[in-house]
Amino acid sequence: MKLLSSILIILLLVGSYTKAQDNTERVAQPEFNHAAIVTAHPLASQVGVDILKKGGNAIDAAIAVQFALAVVYPNAGNIGGGGFMIYRDKNGFVTSLDFREKAPASAHRDMYLDEKGDPITDLSLYGQLAAGVPGSVAGMDKAHKKYGSMPWKELINPAIDFAENGFPITARQAKEFNNYQKRFKKFNLNGAAIIRNEDWKPGNLFVQKQLARTLRQIASQGRDGFYKGAVADFIVAEMKRGNGIITHADLTNYEAVWREPIIGTYKDYKIISMPPPSSGGIALLALLQSVEQYPLHAWGFQSDSTVRAMVEAERHIYADRASYLGDPDFYKVPVKHLTDKKFNQDRMAKVNLAKATPSTEVKASSFPGYEPEETTHFSIVDAEGNAVSLTTTINGSYGSYVWVDGAGFLLNNEMDDFSVKPGTPNLYGLLGGKANAIVPQKRMLSAMTPTIVEQGGHLKMVIGTPGGSTIITSVFQGILNVLEFGMSAQESVSKPRFHHQWKPDRIDVEEKAIADSVRKSLESDGYILHPRNAIGRMKNIVVLPNGKLQTGADPRGDDFAEGY
C-alpha cells in the first residue's frame, strides 16, 4: 500500500502541535475530480483512497477506514464502540445503519445510583461497568454483506498492518497518551499497549500486537471473530476482572439495524440525516426549519441577529431532545411532531430576539398523546457518486479507559449516554428522562449527526463531526456556512463555532467565535457567554457545480483529506 504521502504528513504533524482553539485557519484542502475522503487521521484517509483506487466503492472504503481508525486513532476510532452511517447511492437511494451500542441484558434503571438514589458519577464513566455492548464490527459486517464489493479480508488488512508493525504517532497523540497514563494504569492492571514507563514522543511507533491478532480473527471469521470465540472470551474475562456485566449472550445477540433516515427540506435542499436512537437528525432538521424564514444570508455570518436566531432555536430544540428522544424500539418517539416545519416555525415566531429567553422558561413542547466529547466522523464520496457519512464513537476520549486484555482494544463508556437519573446531566451536560432511561438491550440516545445534503436531486454535501452534545449544533453551523454564507468546504469547518443546549443556560463560545461587539450586545440583553476550548472536528465534502469534490478537514485535529 502506498502510504508515503500520509507518513510525510504525520511527520509534519509530529512537530506542529498547537492549541486547537487557536488553530482555526487552514489552507484550502485539495479538490478532487473523482473521489474524496476526509477522516481524523492521514493514514486512515490514505487507506480509504487506496481501496477506492482498487475499484472498491464508498462502503468498502468506509469499512477499511473504520478498522484503520481503530488502530491509528484509538481515542475514538474503535471496534469496541458503535456508531451511525448515512448511505446515499449514485441513483439517490438513501438508507441509514444503526450500530449503536446496547445496554447489557442485566442492566437496570438504577444501576448507577447509591442507596440514597443519588448518581455515582464515575460508575457510568470509567471501568468495565461503563461499557455497553459494542456494535462497530456488527455494523461493518452488515454494511459489507449488503453493499460491499471487495473481499472482507482485503478491507481489514491495512489495519492489521498498522497494528502489527506500528505507525508513528503525531504530536497531538503523544501529548494525549502522556496526559492519560495515570488513568490507563488505574484501569488496566495487566498492562496495555499504550502504557509505558517513559514519555511518548512524537514519531514514536505505536505497536499493538494483541489488536493485530483480534483483527485477524475478524478478518477470517467476520462478525463471529469478535462476538464469539477467543475475542468474546477476552471481553467476558475483562468484565469479570472489574464490575462489568457484558456476557457471551449479550455479544452473540447483538444486531445492527437498517433504519429509514430522517429526511426533510431546508429551502430547496434535501437534508438526509440519522433517525433515533440518534437525536441528531431530528434536532438538525428542526433547527434548520426554525431559522429557515430568517434572512440569515442578509444578516451575515455570526452577526448579532444570526446568533440570536440560532441560539433561541437551539434552546427550544434541546429542551424537546431531553424529553422525547430515545431508542424507538423501546419508546414511541414523536418524529412527525418534532420535524413538522410549521410547528417549528410557528414556535420561533413567538420568540423575542430582542432579549434572551431564560432556559427556565423554556419547557419541552406538548404533543397530544405523549408524556413529557469523544467521537470521530468521516465523509466519503466514491468515483460513481456513492456517498457515506459515518460517525463512530466510544463516547468519552478513550472511552472507559479499559483495554480488553488479550484482545488489545478499548471499551466504550456509552452507558453514560443513558439518563442515569431524570434531571441529572451526563458527561456532556445533557439532560434526559423516561425516553432515555436504562433498559436491558436498549440503545442509548446519541447526538451523532452524520448527514448528506442534496440539491435538485444531486449530491451536494457530506458532513459530520464528533463533539458530544455540540455535534448537532456544529453540523447545523457547517451546513449554514455553505448554504447561506457561501463558504468553501474548508472554510465551513474552520470557522469558529458556538453552542447552546438549553441547560446550562449559556452560549459556549470558542475563543475566536462571535465578534466582541456582538458579544457585548448579546450580554446586554441577558445572554451568558461561556468560553470553552475547541468545539468538534468537522469533515465536509462539497460537490461543486463542475462536479469536482471540494474537501474540508478540520484544523482542530489531525484531520486530513485525500482523494484522486
Protein backbone atom coordinates (compact mmCIF):
# COMPACT_ATOMS: atom_id res chain seq x y z
CA MET A 1 0.00 0.00 0.00
CA LYS A 2 1.30 3.44 -0.95
CA LEU A 3 1.38 5.32 2.34
CA LEU A 4 4.39 7.57 1.74
CA SER A 5 2.36 10.77 1.40
CA SER A 6 0.44 10.11 4.59
CA ILE A 7 3.56 9.23 6.55
CA LEU A 8 5.13 12.50 5.39
CA ILE A 9 2.04 14.34 6.61
CA ILE A 10 2.33 12.62 10.00
CA LEU A 11 5.98 13.65 10.25
CA LEU A 12 4.91 17.23 9.65
CA LEU A 13 2.23 16.91 12.32
CA VAL A 14 4.79 15.44 14.73
CA GLY A 15 6.23 18.84 15.49
CA SER A 16 3.26 21.05 14.81
CA TYR A 17 1.04 20.71 17.87
CA THR A 18 -0.76 23.96 18.67
CA LYS A 19 -3.69 24.77 20.88
CA ALA A 20 -6.73 23.56 18.99
CA GLN A 21 -8.79 26.60 19.84
CA ASP A 22 -6.18 28.87 18.25
CA ASN A 23 -5.82 26.73 15.15
CA THR A 24 -8.99 27.67 13.31
CA GLU A 25 -7.44 28.51 9.97
CA ARG A 26 -6.08 26.09 7.43
CA VAL A 27 -5.14 26.46 3.80
CA ALA A 28 -7.77 25.17 1.41
CA GLN A 29 -7.82 21.41 1.13
CA PRO A 30 -7.45 19.93 -2.34
CA GLU A 31 -10.28 19.41 -4.79
CA PHE A 32 -10.58 16.03 -6.48
CA ASN A 33 -12.07 15.03 -9.80
CA HIS A 34 -13.25 11.52 -8.95
CA ALA A 35 -13.37 10.56 -5.27
CA ALA A 36 -12.65 12.11 -1.88
CA ILE A 37 -12.32 11.10 1.76
CA VAL A 38 -11.92 13.19 4.92
CA THR A 39 -11.06 11.42 8.19
CA ALA A 40 -9.47 12.17 11.55
CA HIS A 41 -6.07 10.76 10.58
CA PRO A 42 -3.91 10.90 7.42
CA LEU A 43 -3.25 7.15 7.43
CA ALA A 44 -6.95 6.33 7.60
CA SER A 45 -7.66 8.74 4.74
CA GLN A 46 -4.97 7.10 2.62
CA VAL A 47 -6.33 3.62 3.38
CA GLY A 48 -9.76 4.63 2.14
CA VAL A 49 -8.44 6.17 -1.06
CA ASP A 50 -6.31 3.09 -1.77
CA ILE A 51 -9.46 0.96 -1.54
CA LEU A 52 -11.30 3.28 -3.95
CA LYS A 53 -8.42 3.20 -6.42
CA LYS A 54 -8.55 -0.60 -6.37
CA GLY A 55 -12.16 -0.44 -7.52
CA GLY A 56 -13.87 -0.51 -4.14
CA ASN A 57 -16.99 1.55 -3.50
CA ALA A 58 -17.82 4.02 -0.74
CA ILE A 59 -18.98 1.25 1.61
CA ASP A 60 -15.77 -0.73 1.06
CA ALA A 61 -13.75 2.39 1.83
CA ALA A 62 -15.86 3.13 4.93
CA ILE A 63 -15.21 -0.35 6.32
CA ALA A 64 -11.47 -0.07 5.70
CA VAL A 65 -11.40 3.39 7.29
CA GLN A 66 -13.40 2.24 10.32
CA PHE A 67 -10.93 -0.54 11.08
CA ALA A 68 -7.91 1.65 10.32
CA LEU A 69 -9.14 4.31 12.74
CA ALA A 70 -9.50 1.63 15.43
CA VAL A 71 -5.71 1.32 15.23
CA VAL A 72 -4.36 4.77 14.40
CA TYR A 73 -6.93 6.90 16.27
CA PRO A 74 -7.64 4.95 19.48
CA ASN A 75 -9.27 7.80 21.39
CA ALA A 76 -12.36 7.49 19.16
CA GLY A 77 -11.75 5.09 16.28
CA ASN A 78 -12.88 1.72 17.50
CA ILE A 79 -14.06 -1.84 17.35
CA GLY A 80 -15.20 -1.56 20.99
CA GLY A 81 -17.82 1.12 20.39
CA GLY A 82 -20.56 1.86 17.87
CA GLY A 83 -21.98 4.49 15.57
CA PHE A 84 -24.30 5.51 12.76
CA MET A 85 -24.00 5.67 8.98
CA ILE A 86 -25.95 7.52 6.31
CA TYR A 87 -25.56 6.00 2.84
CA ARG A 88 -26.67 7.51 -0.46
CA ASP A 89 -26.05 5.55 -3.65
CA LYS A 90 -25.33 7.06 -7.06
CA ASN A 91 -29.02 6.85 -8.02
CA GLY A 92 -30.23 8.77 -4.98
CA PHE A 93 -31.40 5.83 -2.84
CA VAL A 94 -30.74 6.56 0.84
CA THR A 95 -30.66 4.44 3.98
CA SER A 96 -29.12 4.54 7.45
CA LEU A 97 -27.34 1.94 9.54
CA ASP A 98 -27.65 1.91 13.32
CA PHE A 99 -24.74 0.10 15.00
CA ARG A 100 -25.12 1.95 18.30
CA GLU A 101 -24.11 0.06 21.43
CA LYS A 102 -26.75 -1.60 23.63
CA ALA A 103 -27.26 -1.97 27.34
CA PRO A 104 -26.37 -5.49 28.56
CA ALA A 105 -29.26 -7.80 29.46
CA SER A 106 -28.62 -7.44 33.19
CA ALA A 107 -28.57 -3.62 33.08
CA HIS A 108 -31.27 -1.85 35.07
CA ARG A 109 -32.59 1.66 35.65
CA ASP A 110 -30.88 2.29 39.00
CA MET A 111 -27.55 0.57 38.34
CA TYR A 112 -25.51 3.77 38.79
CA LEU A 113 -27.31 5.06 41.90
CA ASP A 114 -26.28 4.72 45.56
CA GLU A 115 -28.55 3.59 48.37
CA LYS A 116 -29.94 7.14 48.64
CA GLY A 117 -30.81 7.20 44.96
CA ASP A 118 -28.04 9.62 44.03
CA PRO A 119 -25.85 9.04 40.94
CA ILE A 120 -22.38 7.57 41.45
CA THR A 121 -20.84 9.53 38.59
CA ASP A 122 -17.67 7.53 37.99
CA LEU A 123 -19.52 4.21 37.60
CA SER A 124 -21.05 5.23 34.27
CA LEU A 125 -17.85 6.86 33.03
CA TYR A 126 -14.89 4.65 33.95
CA GLY A 127 -14.19 0.96 34.19
CA GLN A 128 -15.92 -2.15 32.93
CA LEU A 129 -19.43 -1.30 34.17
CA ALA A 130 -19.48 1.81 31.95
CA ALA A 131 -19.38 -0.27 28.75
CA GLY A 132 -22.32 -1.03 26.51
CA VAL A 133 -22.32 -3.99 24.12
CA PRO A 134 -20.13 -2.90 21.15
CA GLY A 135 -21.71 -2.56 17.71
CA SER A 136 -18.97 -1.45 15.31
CA VAL A 137 -17.91 -4.86 14.00
CA ALA A 138 -21.51 -5.98 13.52
CA GLY A 139 -22.25 -2.73 11.72
CA MET A 140 -19.35 -3.09 9.30
CA ASP A 141 -20.24 -6.73 8.69
CA LYS A 142 -23.85 -5.81 7.92
CA ALA A 143 -22.84 -2.99 5.58
CA HIS A 144 -20.42 -5.27 3.74
CA LYS A 145 -22.92 -8.06 3.24
CA LYS A 146 -25.43 -5.69 1.66
CA TYR A 147 -23.29 -3.21 -0.28
CA GLY A 148 -19.65 -4.29 -0.17
CA SER A 149 -17.88 -5.23 -3.39
CA MET A 150 -14.36 -6.17 -2.27
CA PRO A 151 -13.29 -9.16 -0.15
CA TRP A 152 -13.78 -8.55 3.58
CA LYS A 153 -10.22 -9.58 4.44
CA GLU A 154 -8.74 -7.10 2.00
CA LEU A 155 -10.57 -4.27 3.74
CA ILE A 156 -9.12 -5.13 7.15
CA ASN A 157 -5.55 -5.92 6.07
CA PRO A 158 -4.32 -2.29 6.26
CA ALA A 159 -5.48 -2.04 9.87
CA ILE A 160 -3.74 -5.31 10.69
CA ASP A 161 -0.50 -3.96 9.20
CA PHE A 162 -0.69 -0.77 11.30
CA ALA A 163 -1.36 -2.75 14.49
CA GLU A 164 1.32 -5.39 13.87
CA ASN A 165 4.12 -3.12 12.64
CA GLY A 166 3.18 0.14 14.31
CA PHE A 167 2.80 3.66 12.98
CA PRO A 168 4.40 6.98 14.01
CA ILE A 169 2.21 8.89 16.43
CA THR A 170 1.53 12.58 15.92
CA ALA A 171 2.46 15.35 18.35
CA ARG A 172 -1.17 15.59 19.42
CA GLN A 173 -1.32 11.84 20.13
CA ALA A 174 1.92 11.88 22.12
CA LYS A 175 0.52 14.64 24.32
CA GLU A 176 -2.74 12.72 24.89
CA PHE A 177 -1.03 9.39 25.55
CA ASN A 178 1.13 11.01 28.24
CA ASN A 179 -1.69 13.00 29.84
CA TYR A 180 -3.81 9.87 30.38
CA GLN A 181 -1.12 7.44 31.57
CA LYS A 182 -2.28 7.54 35.20
CA ARG A 183 -5.84 6.66 34.25
CA PHE A 184 -4.77 3.93 31.80
CA LYS A 185 -2.70 2.30 34.54
CA LYS A 186 -5.57 2.50 37.05
CA PHE A 187 -7.97 0.54 34.85
CA ASN A 188 -5.51 -1.85 33.18
CA LEU A 189 -3.57 -3.67 35.88
CA ASN A 190 -2.43 -6.28 33.33
CA GLY A 191 -0.98 -3.56 31.13
CA ALA A 192 -1.89 -2.22 27.69
CA ALA A 193 -0.03 -1.23 24.55
CA ILE A 194 -0.46 2.44 25.34
CA ILE A 195 1.14 2.15 28.81
CA ARG A 196 4.88 2.77 29.06
CA ASN A 197 7.32 3.90 31.73
CA GLU A 198 8.83 6.68 29.66
CA ASP A 199 7.03 9.51 27.96
CA TRP A 200 5.66 9.06 24.49
CA LYS A 201 7.30 11.35 21.96
CA PRO A 202 6.10 12.50 18.54
CA GLY A 203 7.21 9.99 15.92
CA ASN A 204 7.37 7.01 18.31
CA LEU A 205 5.97 3.82 16.78
CA PHE A 206 2.75 2.64 18.40
CA VAL A 207 2.65 -1.16 18.06
CA GLN A 208 -0.46 -3.14 19.10
CA LYS A 209 0.21 -6.89 18.76
CA GLN A 210 -2.91 -8.03 20.62
CA LEU A 211 -5.12 -5.82 18.46
CA ALA A 212 -3.47 -7.23 15.33
CA ARG A 213 -4.41 -10.72 16.48
CA THR A 214 -8.01 -9.63 17.13
CA LEU A 215 -8.26 -8.03 13.71
CA ARG A 216 -7.01 -11.24 12.09
CA GLN A 217 -9.82 -13.12 13.84
CA ILE A 218 -12.35 -10.63 12.48
CA ALA A 219 -10.80 -10.75 9.00
CA SER A 220 -11.02 -14.54 8.85
CA GLN A 221 -14.34 -15.11 10.66
CA GLY A 222 -16.36 -11.93 10.08
CA ARG A 223 -18.55 -10.81 12.96
CA ASP A 224 -18.13 -14.19 14.66
CA GLY A 225 -14.45 -13.37 15.04
CA PHE A 226 -15.49 -10.67 17.51
CA TYR A 227 -18.78 -11.72 19.07
CA LYS A 228 -17.85 -15.36 19.53
CA GLY A 229 -14.71 -17.40 20.16
CA ALA A 230 -11.47 -16.14 21.67
CA VAL A 231 -12.20 -12.41 21.38
CA ALA A 232 -15.58 -12.80 23.08
CA ASP A 233 -13.86 -14.81 25.81
CA PHE A 234 -11.40 -11.97 26.36
CA ILE A 235 -14.25 -9.44 26.63
CA VAL A 236 -16.15 -11.51 29.20
CA ALA A 237 -12.96 -12.15 31.17
CA GLU A 238 -12.36 -8.40 31.22
CA MET A 239 -15.85 -7.90 32.63
CA LYS A 240 -15.07 -10.32 35.44
CA ARG A 241 -11.82 -8.51 36.28
CA GLY A 242 -13.83 -5.43 37.10
CA ASN A 243 -17.52 -4.87 37.76
CA GLY A 244 -18.70 -5.29 34.17
CA ILE A 245 -21.86 -7.13 33.13
CA ILE A 246 -21.48 -7.89 29.40
CA THR A 247 -21.95 -11.64 28.82
CA HIS A 248 -21.39 -14.06 25.96
CA ALA A 249 -25.14 -13.95 25.31
CA ASP A 250 -25.08 -10.14 25.06
CA LEU A 251 -22.35 -10.37 22.43
CA THR A 252 -23.97 -13.17 20.44
CA ASN A 253 -27.36 -11.45 20.41
CA TYR A 254 -26.16 -8.04 19.26
CA GLU A 255 -27.51 -6.90 15.87
CA ALA A 256 -27.00 -3.75 13.84
CA VAL A 257 -30.21 -2.35 12.28
CA TRP A 258 -31.05 -0.67 8.96
CA ARG A 259 -33.40 2.26 9.57
CA GLU A 260 -35.25 4.85 7.50
CA PRO A 261 -33.32 8.14 7.61
CA ILE A 262 -34.75 11.45 8.77
CA ILE A 263 -35.49 13.36 5.56
CA GLY A 264 -36.72 16.92 5.22
CA THR A 265 -36.04 20.17 3.41
CA TYR A 266 -34.27 23.45 4.04
CA LYS A 267 -35.26 25.86 1.27
CA ASP A 268 -34.50 23.95 -1.95
CA TYR A 269 -32.11 21.50 -0.29
CA LYS A 270 -32.95 18.00 0.89
CA ILE A 271 -31.50 17.07 4.30
CA ILE A 272 -30.84 13.37 4.98
CA SER A 273 -29.72 12.50 8.49
CA MET A 274 -29.80 9.91 11.26
CA PRO A 275 -33.05 8.81 12.97
CA PRO A 276 -33.40 7.72 16.61
CA PRO A 277 -31.72 6.40 18.66
CA SER A 278 -29.68 9.34 17.42
CA SER A 279 -31.22 12.67 18.26
CA GLY A 280 -29.05 14.24 15.59
CA GLY A 281 -31.29 14.05 12.52
CA ILE A 282 -34.46 15.22 14.24
CA ALA A 283 -32.72 18.07 16.05
CA LEU A 284 -30.75 19.18 12.99
CA LEU A 285 -33.83 19.28 10.77
CA ALA A 286 -35.81 21.12 13.44
CA LEU A 287 -33.01 23.68 13.80
CA LEU A 288 -32.85 24.30 10.06
CA GLN A 289 -36.64 24.58 9.86
CA SER A 290 -36.65 27.02 12.78
CA VAL A 291 -34.29 29.51 11.12
CA GLU A 292 -35.39 28.98 7.51
CA GLN A 293 -37.59 32.07 7.29
CA TYR A 294 -34.97 34.41 8.78
CA PRO A 295 -32.75 36.34 6.32
CA LEU A 296 -29.55 34.77 7.58
CA HIS A 297 -27.66 35.48 4.36
CA ALA A 298 -28.50 39.18 4.57
CA TRP A 299 -27.77 39.32 8.28
CA GLY A 300 -24.37 37.68 7.78
CA PHE A 301 -22.16 35.07 9.45
CA GLN A 302 -22.27 35.32 13.27
CA SER A 303 -23.96 38.72 13.15
CA ASP A 304 -25.96 39.77 16.19
CA SER A 305 -29.32 38.75 14.67
CA THR A 306 -27.97 35.50 13.22
CA VAL A 307 -26.54 34.35 16.57
CA ARG A 308 -29.75 35.22 18.42
CA ALA A 309 -31.95 33.28 16.00
CA MET A 310 -29.68 30.22 16.08
CA VAL A 311 -29.30 30.23 19.87
CA GLU A 312 -33.04 30.55 20.53
CA ALA A 313 -33.74 27.70 18.11
CA GLU A 314 -31.13 25.56 19.88
CA ARG A 315 -32.56 26.40 23.29
CA HIS A 316 -36.04 25.14 22.39
CA ILE A 317 -34.97 22.08 20.43
CA TYR A 318 -32.58 20.79 23.09
CA ALA A 319 -35.44 21.08 25.60
CA ASP A 320 -37.50 18.76 23.39
CA ARG A 321 -34.49 16.45 22.98
CA ALA A 322 -34.31 15.95 26.74
CA SER A 323 -37.93 14.78 26.93
CA TYR A 324 -38.78 12.98 23.72
CA LEU A 325 -35.71 11.33 22.23
CA GLY A 326 -34.68 7.71 22.86
CA ASP A 327 -34.44 4.26 21.31
CA PRO A 328 -37.50 3.87 19.02
CA ASP A 329 -37.56 0.13 19.73
CA PHE A 330 -38.43 0.96 23.35
CA TYR A 331 -40.08 4.38 23.24
CA LYS A 332 -42.50 5.95 20.78
CA VAL A 333 -40.59 9.00 19.54
CA PRO A 334 -42.89 11.75 18.13
CA VAL A 335 -40.84 12.17 14.96
CA LYS A 336 -43.58 13.80 12.87
CA HIS A 337 -44.31 16.39 15.54
CA LEU A 338 -40.67 17.25 16.18
CA THR A 339 -39.85 17.62 12.47
CA ASP A 340 -43.02 19.46 11.44
CA LYS A 341 -41.87 22.62 9.67
CA LYS A 342 -44.98 24.65 10.53
CA PHE A 343 -44.69 23.70 14.20
CA ASN A 344 -41.03 24.70 14.40
CA GLN A 345 -41.54 27.96 12.52
CA ASP A 346 -44.67 28.92 14.48
CA ARG A 347 -42.77 28.37 17.73
CA MET A 348 -39.88 30.57 16.56
CA ALA A 349 -42.33 33.29 15.50
CA LYS A 350 -43.24 33.69 19.17
CA VAL A 351 -39.64 34.10 20.30
CA ASN A 352 -38.44 37.61 21.12
CA LEU A 353 -34.97 38.01 19.62
CA ALA A 354 -34.50 41.35 21.36
CA LYS A 355 -33.82 39.67 24.68
CA ALA A 356 -32.58 36.28 25.86
CA THR A 357 -35.28 33.81 26.83
CA PRO A 358 -34.23 32.23 30.17
CA SER A 359 -34.00 28.46 29.81
CA THR A 360 -36.03 28.10 33.00
CA GLU A 361 -38.96 29.49 31.00
CA VAL A 362 -38.48 27.04 28.13
CA LYS A 363 -40.17 23.69 28.59
CA ALA A 364 -40.44 20.70 26.31
CA SER A 365 -43.24 21.02 23.79
CA SER A 366 -46.61 19.39 24.47
CA PHE A 367 -47.87 16.87 21.93
CA PRO A 368 -51.22 15.02 22.03
CA GLY A 369 -50.78 11.51 23.38
CA TYR A 370 -47.23 11.96 24.72
CA GLU A 371 -45.77 12.26 28.21
CA PRO A 372 -43.34 14.60 28.93
CA GLU A 373 -16.62 14.53 23.85
CA GLU A 374 -15.09 11.87 22.07
CA THR A 375 -16.26 10.65 18.75
CA THR A 376 -14.94 10.67 15.20
CA HIS A 377 -16.51 11.15 11.81
CA PHE A 378 -15.55 10.51 8.21
CA SER A 379 -17.08 11.54 4.90
CA ILE A 380 -16.62 9.62 1.63
CA VAL A 381 -17.69 10.09 -1.99
CA ASP A 382 -16.56 7.46 -4.50
CA ALA A 383 -15.99 7.79 -8.25
CA GLU A 384 -19.54 6.65 -9.08
CA GLY A 385 -21.14 9.19 -6.75
CA ASN A 386 -21.99 6.86 -3.87
CA ALA A 387 -21.62 8.66 -0.55
CA VAL A 388 -21.10 7.67 3.08
CA SER A 389 -21.38 9.91 6.14
CA LEU A 390 -20.35 7.89 9.20
CA THR A 391 -19.91 8.90 12.83
CA THR A 392 -18.47 6.41 15.29
CA THR A 393 -17.59 6.63 18.97
CA ILE A 394 -16.59 5.11 22.28
CA ASN A 395 -18.17 8.19 23.94
CA GLY A 396 -15.52 9.95 26.06
CA SER A 397 -12.00 10.27 24.75
CA TYR A 398 -10.51 6.77 25.14
CA GLY A 399 -13.91 5.53 26.34
CA SER A 400 -13.92 3.70 29.66
CA TYR A 401 -10.06 3.57 29.64
CA VAL A 402 -10.34 -0.22 29.75
CA TRP A 403 -8.17 -2.07 27.23
CA VAL A 404 -9.50 -5.60 26.83
CA ASP A 405 -6.57 -7.70 27.96
CA GLY A 406 -5.66 -10.30 25.35
CA ALA A 407 -7.71 -8.57 22.63
CA GLY A 408 -6.00 -5.18 22.69
CA PHE A 409 -8.83 -2.70 22.13
CA LEU A 410 -10.62 -0.06 24.19
CA LEU A 411 -14.13 -0.46 25.55
CA ASN A 412 -16.67 2.34 25.33
CA ASN A 413 -18.30 4.20 28.22
CA GLU A 414 -21.59 4.64 26.38
CA MET A 415 -23.78 3.70 29.36
CA ASP A 416 -23.30 7.30 30.48
CA ASP A 417 -25.36 8.38 27.47
CA PHE A 418 -28.45 6.94 29.12
CA SER A 419 -30.37 9.09 31.55
CA VAL A 420 -28.80 7.68 34.72
CA LYS A 421 -31.42 9.60 36.70
CA PRO A 422 -34.04 12.06 35.39
CA GLY A 423 -32.70 15.60 35.62
CA THR A 424 -29.08 14.52 36.14
CA PRO A 425 -26.69 15.69 33.40
CA ASN A 426 -24.37 13.24 31.65
CA LEU A 427 -20.71 13.71 30.66
CA TYR A 428 -21.73 16.43 28.18
CA GLY A 429 -24.20 18.19 30.48
CA LEU A 430 -27.21 16.81 28.61
CA LEU A 431 -30.39 16.05 30.50
CA GLY A 432 -32.81 13.19 29.88
CA GLY A 433 -35.78 11.36 31.28
CA LYS A 434 -38.07 8.38 30.73
CA ALA A 435 -37.45 8.20 26.97
CA ASN A 436 -33.75 7.55 27.57
CA ALA A 437 -33.89 5.56 30.80
CA ILE A 438 -31.72 2.43 31.14
CA VAL A 439 -33.48 -0.72 29.95
CA PRO A 440 -31.85 -4.08 29.13
CA GLN A 441 -30.80 -4.35 25.44
CA LYS A 442 -31.87 -0.77 24.77
CA ARG A 443 -29.69 1.59 22.73
CA MET A 444 -28.66 4.78 24.49
CA LEU A 445 -29.53 8.15 22.96
CA SER A 446 -26.85 9.85 20.88
CA ALA A 447 -26.15 13.27 19.40
CA MET A 448 -24.24 11.87 16.41
CA THR A 449 -25.42 13.56 13.22
CA PRO A 450 -23.94 12.06 10.05
CA THR A 451 -25.66 14.00 7.27
CA ILE A 452 -25.95 14.17 3.49
CA VAL A 453 -27.39 17.16 1.62
CA GLU A 454 -28.90 17.11 -1.87
CA GLN A 455 -29.80 19.92 -4.25
CA GLY A 456 -32.03 19.34 -7.26
CA GLY A 457 -31.75 15.57 -6.87
CA HIS A 458 -27.96 15.68 -6.93
CA LEU A 459 -25.43 15.12 -4.17
CA LYS A 460 -24.39 18.45 -2.62
CA MET A 461 -22.65 17.79 0.69
CA VAL A 462 -21.42 15.01 3.02
CA ILE A 463 -20.81 16.31 6.53
CA GLY A 464 -20.44 15.30 10.17
CA THR A 465 -18.37 15.81 13.31
CA PRO A 466 -17.54 14.47 16.76
CA GLY A 467 -18.18 16.62 19.82
CA GLY A 468 -20.73 15.11 22.21
CA SER A 469 -23.61 17.49 22.80
CA THR A 470 -22.09 20.02 20.37
CA ILE A 471 -22.32 17.67 17.37
CA ILE A 472 -25.80 18.77 16.33
CA THR A 473 -25.11 22.50 16.55
CA SER A 474 -21.74 22.10 14.79
CA VAL A 475 -23.32 20.33 11.81
CA PHE A 476 -26.07 22.98 11.87
CA GLN A 477 -23.43 25.71 11.55
CA GLY A 478 -21.37 23.79 8.99
CA ILE A 479 -24.39 23.42 6.69
CA LEU A 480 -25.41 27.07 7.04
CA ASN A 481 -21.82 28.17 6.39
CA VAL A 482 -22.03 26.61 2.93
CA LEU A 483 -25.69 27.10 2.02
CA GLU A 484 -26.27 30.58 3.48
CA PHE A 485 -22.86 32.21 3.77
CA GLY A 486 -21.25 30.84 0.60
CA MET A 487 -18.21 29.30 2.26
CA SER A 488 -15.98 26.63 0.78
CA ALA A 489 -15.83 23.19 2.36
CA GLN A 490 -12.64 24.15 4.18
CA GLU A 491 -13.95 27.49 5.40
CA SER A 492 -17.13 25.81 6.63
CA VAL A 493 -15.22 23.54 9.01
CA SER A 494 -12.50 26.04 10.01
CA LYS A 495 -14.68 28.94 11.13
CA PRO A 496 -15.07 29.32 14.92
CA ARG A 497 -18.23 27.92 16.46
CA PHE A 498 -20.67 28.45 19.33
CA HIS A 499 -23.21 26.21 21.06
CA HIS A 500 -26.32 26.34 23.25
CA GLN A 501 -28.08 23.25 24.63
CA TRP A 502 -30.92 24.66 26.77
CA LYS A 503 -29.27 23.77 30.08
CA PRO A 504 -26.93 25.03 31.35
CA ASP A 505 -28.31 28.36 30.16
CA ARG A 506 -25.27 29.76 28.36
CA ILE A 507 -23.68 30.14 24.95
CA ASP A 508 -20.44 28.16 24.79
CA VAL A 509 -18.03 30.01 22.50
CA GLU A 510 -14.68 29.18 21.02
CA GLU A 511 -12.04 31.86 21.53
CA LYS A 512 -12.45 33.43 18.09
CA ALA A 513 -16.21 32.89 17.78
CA ILE A 514 -18.60 35.90 17.74
CA ALA A 515 -17.08 39.35 17.39
CA ASP A 516 -16.54 41.44 20.54
CA SER A 517 -19.16 43.99 19.52
CA VAL A 518 -21.74 41.23 19.06
CA ARG A 519 -20.76 39.66 22.37
CA LYS A 520 -21.37 42.96 24.17
CA SER A 521 -24.77 43.32 22.51
CA LEU A 522 -25.78 39.79 23.46
CA GLU A 523 -24.63 40.19 27.06
CA SER A 524 -26.53 43.45 27.42
CA ASP A 525 -29.72 41.58 26.54
CA GLY A 526 -29.25 38.76 29.02
CA TYR A 527 -27.25 36.17 27.11
CA ILE A 528 -24.48 34.48 29.09
CA LEU A 529 -21.32 33.70 27.09
CA HIS A 530 -19.03 30.96 28.33
CA PRO A 531 -15.53 30.49 26.85
CA ARG A 532 -14.50 26.94 26.02
CA ASN A 533 -11.92 25.04 24.00
CA ALA A 534 -12.35 23.57 20.53
CA ILE A 535 -15.87 22.52 19.50
CA GLY A 536 -15.92 19.44 17.28
CA ARG A 537 -13.70 18.32 14.41
CA MET A 538 -15.82 18.56 11.29
CA LYS A 539 -15.28 16.75 7.98
CA ASN A 540 -17.00 18.10 4.89
CA ILE A 541 -17.14 17.24 1.20
CA VAL A 542 -18.96 19.66 -1.10
CA VAL A 543 -19.82 18.77 -4.69
CA LEU A 544 -19.16 21.79 -6.89
CA PRO A 545 -21.27 22.68 -9.96
CA ASN A 546 -18.47 21.37 -12.21
CA GLY A 547 -18.59 18.00 -10.45
CA LYS A 548 -15.32 18.40 -8.55
CA LEU A 549 -15.20 17.36 -4.91
CA GLN A 550 -14.18 20.14 -2.58
CA THR A 551 -12.88 18.95 0.79
CA GLY A 552 -12.73 20.43 4.27
CA ALA A 553 -10.60 18.91 7.05
CA ASP A 554 -10.96 20.47 10.50
CA PRO A 555 -7.79 22.19 11.76
CA ARG A 556 -8.82 21.46 15.35
CA GLY A 557 -7.43 17.92 14.93
CA ASP A 558 -5.08 15.92 12.75
CA ASP A 559 -7.87 15.65 10.16
CA PHE A 560 -6.82 15.06 6.57
CA ALA A 561 -8.48 14.98 3.16
CA GLU A 562 -7.36 12.63 0.40
CA GLY A 563 -8.70 11.58 -2.98
CA TYR A 564 -7.95 11.37 -6.66
